[in-house]
Amino acid sequence: MAVPAGARRPRPSTKQQIRIWFEFYKLALADGRYGPALAASHPYYEPWGEVTDVPFDRWWKDHSSLFDELKVREVMAVNPNPATVFLAVPLDLETKRIIQQVTDLVTARQHAAAEVVGGRLGRSNRVGLARFGLTPGVEFRGLVADKILRVYRDVFLPAGRPKIGQEFAQKVVIFLSSPRIKMKIHFLPQGGNPDVEFSPEQLRNLRRYVKRAEAYMEAAAMGDFPGRSKMI
């Protein structure tokens, strides 16, 4: 069942982490095993709009404000975002005065935002305005998850969900070594040597990648990503 909005406080997430969530959600939508979970989470995902045939970067331009990506950045063009405030900072003002004025203005806006959403400010004055965020308290390693995504989406599925054996492992190594990808997985050899013999441990780790991918798909289908599974 999807986690209701407001039932959990989103923690800061990066664009890379959201991209992986987005891709696993698309995989879940295309997989018939997650129909009930997707039906239950449909209202939760409604603000995401159509994702099936939409590239992530295009989708992100219109939906980044849904997520709690917390960082200070220089703004070159203003896009409406209820979780941010845009300021004009005079560069000829001394730094101490800039910091104090920004602090006063932002603190006031945080208090006003907390009243609107009915929340309370913590010691840091942070207000959870974003509706979507990663599962609180769960470590999510984006680089590893990206490798899991690519092995599952770009090798395992096109190969027809094969048995995880020597032939599949070779396909993975060839895929990772292609000029377009050039990605390393620490437990696999580099290069597409057709004579390499993969060890039981290497094959076991690939099976874990596939199981982890399916756990991510299930979590995405439920609307609680990356979920609370302790699998690596």
Protein backbone atom coordinates (compact mmCIF):
# COMPACT_ATOMS: atom_id res chain seq x y z
CA MET A 1 0.00 0.00 0.00
CA ALA A 2 1.27 3.48 -0.81
CA VAL A 3 2.48 5.61 2.06
CA PRO A 4 0.00 8.49 2.47
CA ALA A 5 1.32 11.99 1.85
CA GLY A 6 2.40 13.50 5.16
CA ALA A 7 2.66 10.11 6.90
CA ARG A 8 6.44 10.17 6.50
CA ARG A 9 8.82 13.10 6.36
CA PRO A 10 10.79 13.02 3.10
CA ARG A 11 14.54 13.12 3.54
CA PRO A 12 16.83 15.00 1.14
CA SER A 13 17.23 13.19 -2.17
CA THR A 14 19.30 13.85 -5.24
CA LYS A 15 18.27 14.00 -8.86
CA GLN A 16 20.24 10.79 -9.47
CA GLN A 17 18.30 8.93 -6.77
CA ILE A 18 14.97 10.19 -8.11
CA ARG A 19 15.96 9.10 -11.62
CA ILE A 20 16.51 5.55 -10.37
CA TRP A 21 13.17 5.60 -8.55
CA PHE A 22 11.52 6.88 -11.75
CA GLU A 23 13.07 4.10 -13.86
CA PHE A 24 12.10 1.32 -11.47
CA TYR A 25 8.57 2.70 -11.29
CA LYS A 26 8.39 2.52 -15.10
CA LEU A 27 9.63 -1.08 -14.96
CA ALA A 28 6.98 -1.93 -12.38
CA LEU A 29 4.28 -0.40 -14.59
CA ALA A 30 5.38 -2.66 -17.45
CA ASP A 31 5.48 -5.78 -15.26
CA GLY A 32 2.19 -7.57 -14.68
CA ARG A 33 3.20 -8.86 -11.25
CA TYR A 34 2.66 -5.52 -9.51
CA GLY A 35 -0.88 -4.70 -10.60
CA PRO A 36 -2.52 -4.63 -7.12
CA ALA A 37 0.27 -2.53 -5.58
CA LEU A 38 0.19 -0.10 -8.51
CA ALA A 39 -3.58 0.23 -8.25
CA ALA A 40 -3.27 1.06 -4.55
CA SER A 41 -0.49 3.60 -5.12
CA HIS A 42 -2.11 5.28 -8.14
CA PRO A 43 -3.49 8.27 -6.16
CA TYR A 44 -0.07 8.75 -4.56
CA TYR A 45 1.67 8.86 -7.95
CA GLU A 46 -0.98 10.98 -9.67
CA PRO A 47 1.12 14.20 -9.46
CA TRP A 48 3.86 12.41 -11.44
CA GLY A 49 1.62 12.39 -14.50
CA GLU A 50 2.40 10.16 -17.49
CA VAL A 51 5.81 8.48 -17.23
CA THR A 52 5.65 5.42 -19.49
CA ASP A 53 7.07 6.92 -22.68
CA VAL A 54 8.68 10.01 -21.17
CA PRO A 55 12.48 10.39 -20.80
CA PHE A 56 13.49 11.24 -17.27
CA ASP A 57 15.16 14.59 -18.03
CA ARG A 58 12.09 15.88 -19.83
CA TRP A 59 9.83 14.70 -17.02
CA TRP A 60 12.14 16.19 -14.37
CA LYS A 61 11.84 19.71 -15.80
CA ASP A 62 8.13 19.75 -14.95
CA HIS A 63 8.17 17.69 -11.74
CA SER A 64 11.35 18.47 -9.81
CA SER A 65 9.38 20.61 -7.34
CA LEU A 66 7.69 17.45 -6.04
CA PHE A 67 10.94 16.33 -4.44
CA ASP A 68 12.98 17.46 -1.49
CA GLU A 69 16.25 18.22 -3.26
CA LEU A 70 17.93 20.52 -0.76
CA LYS A 71 20.84 22.59 -2.02
CA VAL A 72 21.69 26.22 -2.58
CA ARG A 73 22.26 27.01 -6.23
CA GLU A 74 22.54 29.94 -8.57
CA VAL A 75 19.23 30.48 -10.37
CA MET A 76 19.51 31.44 -14.02
CA ALA A 77 15.79 31.14 -14.79
CA VAL A 78 12.89 31.11 -12.33
CA ASN A 79 10.49 28.16 -12.36
CA PRO A 80 7.65 28.04 -9.80
CA ASN A 81 8.59 25.80 -6.89
CA PRO A 82 6.66 25.90 -3.59
CA ALA A 83 9.61 24.39 -1.73
CA THR A 84 12.01 27.25 -2.55
CA VAL A 85 12.25 31.01 -2.25
CA PHE A 86 14.08 33.09 -4.86
CA LEU A 87 16.21 36.00 -3.65
CA ALA A 88 18.07 38.84 -5.29
CA VAL A 89 21.40 39.29 -3.49
CA PRO A 90 23.32 42.54 -4.08
CA LEU A 91 26.96 41.58 -4.63
CA ASP A 92 28.25 44.95 -3.37
CA LEU A 93 26.89 44.25 0.13
CA GLU A 94 29.34 42.88 2.71
CA THR A 95 29.02 39.14 3.30
CA LYS A 96 28.02 39.41 6.97
CA ARG A 97 25.06 41.64 6.14
CA ILE A 98 24.03 39.34 3.24
CA ILE A 99 24.06 36.29 5.51
CA GLN A 100 22.07 38.03 8.24
CA GLN A 101 19.45 39.38 5.82
CA VAL A 102 19.09 36.04 4.06
CA THR A 103 18.78 34.26 7.41
CA ASP A 104 16.05 36.63 8.60
CA LEU A 105 14.08 36.44 5.36
CA VAL A 106 14.32 32.67 4.96
CA THR A 107 13.46 32.03 8.62
CA ALA A 108 10.32 34.13 8.25
CA ARG A 109 9.31 32.24 5.12
CA GLN A 110 9.95 28.88 6.85
CA HIS A 111 7.67 29.85 9.74
CA ALA A 112 4.98 30.95 7.29
CA ALA A 113 5.32 27.70 5.31
CA ALA A 114 5.09 25.61 8.48
CA GLU A 115 1.78 27.28 9.33
CA VAL A 116 0.42 26.55 5.85
CA VAL A 117 1.27 22.84 5.93
CA GLY A 118 0.40 22.47 9.59
CA GLY A 119 3.87 21.31 10.50
CA ARG A 120 6.33 22.22 13.22
CA LEU A 121 9.83 23.52 12.74
CA GLY A 122 12.68 21.51 14.20
CA ARG A 123 15.91 22.96 15.54
CA SER A 124 17.15 23.45 11.98
CA ASN A 125 13.96 25.32 10.96
CA ARG A 126 13.59 22.85 8.08
CA VAL A 127 10.07 22.51 6.67
CA GLY A 128 9.05 19.35 4.83
CA LEU A 129 7.20 20.88 1.88
CA ALA A 130 8.01 18.22 -0.68
CA ARG A 131 5.46 15.48 -1.08
CA PHE A 132 7.83 12.79 -2.32
CA GLY A 133 11.02 11.53 -0.73
CA LEU A 134 13.03 8.38 -0.17
CA THR A 135 12.16 5.95 2.62
CA PRO A 136 13.32 7.58 5.89
CA GLY A 137 16.16 5.86 7.69
CA VAL A 138 17.15 3.63 4.76
CA GLU A 139 20.53 3.98 3.10
CA PHE A 140 20.24 4.23 -0.67
CA ARG A 141 23.46 4.00 -2.64
CA GLY A 142 22.67 5.54 -5.99
CA LEU A 143 25.79 4.34 -7.83
CA VAL A 144 25.17 0.70 -6.93
CA ALA A 145 21.44 1.02 -7.65
CA ASP A 146 22.23 2.45 -11.07
CA LYS A 147 24.33 -0.61 -11.91
CA ILE A 148 21.53 -2.88 -10.68
CA LEU A 149 19.06 -0.97 -12.86
CA ARG A 150 21.22 -1.32 -15.97
CA VAL A 151 21.91 -5.02 -15.49
CA TYR A 152 18.22 -5.73 -15.01
CA ARG A 153 16.68 -3.37 -17.57
CA ASP A 154 19.34 -3.50 -20.28
CA VAL A 155 20.56 -7.10 -20.07
CA PHE A 156 18.26 -9.34 -18.03
CA LEU A 157 14.94 -8.23 -19.55
CA PRO A 158 16.13 -8.10 -23.21
CA ALA A 159 17.58 -11.59 -22.75
CA GLY A 160 14.13 -12.87 -21.72
CA ARG A 161 14.73 -13.27 -17.97
CA PRO A 162 17.29 -16.07 -18.42
CA LYS A 163 18.85 -18.34 -15.84
CA ILE A 164 21.74 -16.55 -14.10
CA GLY A 165 24.60 -18.64 -15.42
CA GLN A 166 27.79 -18.36 -17.46
CA GLU A 167 26.06 -17.12 -20.61
CA PHE A 168 24.16 -14.37 -18.84
CA ALA A 169 27.25 -13.24 -16.92
CA GLN A 170 29.12 -12.95 -20.21
CA LYS A 171 26.31 -10.80 -21.63
CA VAL A 172 26.58 -8.51 -18.61
CA VAL A 173 30.35 -8.12 -18.99
CA ILE A 174 30.04 -7.38 -22.72
CA PHE A 175 27.31 -4.82 -22.04
CA LEU A 176 29.32 -3.07 -19.32
CA SER A 177 32.40 -2.96 -21.55
CA SER A 178 30.65 -1.35 -24.50
CA PRO A 179 31.92 2.14 -25.44
CA ARG A 180 28.49 3.61 -24.73
CA ILE A 181 28.36 2.28 -21.16
CA LYS A 182 31.89 1.74 -19.79
CA MET A 183 30.69 0.84 -16.31
CA LYS A 184 32.50 -1.30 -13.74
CA ILE A 185 30.98 -3.80 -11.32
CA HIS A 186 33.56 -4.70 -8.72
CA PHE A 187 32.91 -8.44 -8.66
CA LEU A 188 33.04 -8.91 -12.45
CA PRO A 189 36.07 -8.95 -14.79
CA GLN A 190 36.56 -6.15 -17.29
CA GLY A 191 36.29 -6.76 -21.03
CA GLY A 192 34.29 -9.30 -23.01
CA ASN A 193 36.65 -12.28 -22.91
CA PRO A 194 34.59 -15.21 -24.32
CA ASP A 195 36.78 -17.77 -22.51
CA VAL A 196 36.34 -16.42 -18.99
CA GLU A 197 34.81 -18.79 -16.43
CA PHE A 198 32.68 -17.07 -13.83
CA SER A 199 32.92 -18.28 -10.25
CA PRO A 200 29.93 -19.39 -8.17
CA GLU A 201 30.37 -16.24 -6.06
CA GLN A 202 30.21 -13.98 -9.12
CA LEU A 203 27.03 -15.69 -10.32
CA ARG A 204 25.56 -15.48 -6.82
CA ASN A 205 26.22 -11.72 -6.77
CA LEU A 206 24.48 -11.34 -10.15
CA ARG A 207 21.45 -13.20 -8.77
CA ARG A 208 21.45 -10.73 -5.89
CA TYR A 209 21.44 -7.88 -8.39
CA VAL A 210 18.36 -9.32 -10.09
CA LYS A 211 16.60 -9.89 -6.75
CA ARG A 212 17.51 -6.40 -5.62
CA ALA A 213 16.10 -4.97 -8.86
CA GLU A 214 12.82 -6.77 -8.27
CA ALA A 215 12.76 -5.53 -4.67
CA TYR A 216 13.19 -1.97 -6.00
CA MET A 217 10.37 -2.54 -8.48
CA GLU A 218 8.07 -3.75 -5.72
CA ALA A 219 8.98 -0.78 -3.52
CA ALA A 220 8.36 1.62 -6.41
CA ALA A 221 5.01 -0.01 -7.13
CA MET A 222 4.02 0.47 -3.49
CA GLY A 223 5.08 4.11 -3.46
CA ASP A 224 7.75 3.69 -0.78
CA PHE A 225 11.17 3.79 -2.46
CA PRO A 226 13.68 2.21 -2.01
CA GLY A 227 11.75 0.25 0.61
CA ARG A 228 13.10 -1.35 3.75
CA SER A 229 14.68 -4.54 2.41
CA LYS A 230 18.22 -5.11 3.72
CA MET A 231 19.35 -6.93 0.57
CA ILE A 232 22.39 -5.47 -1.15
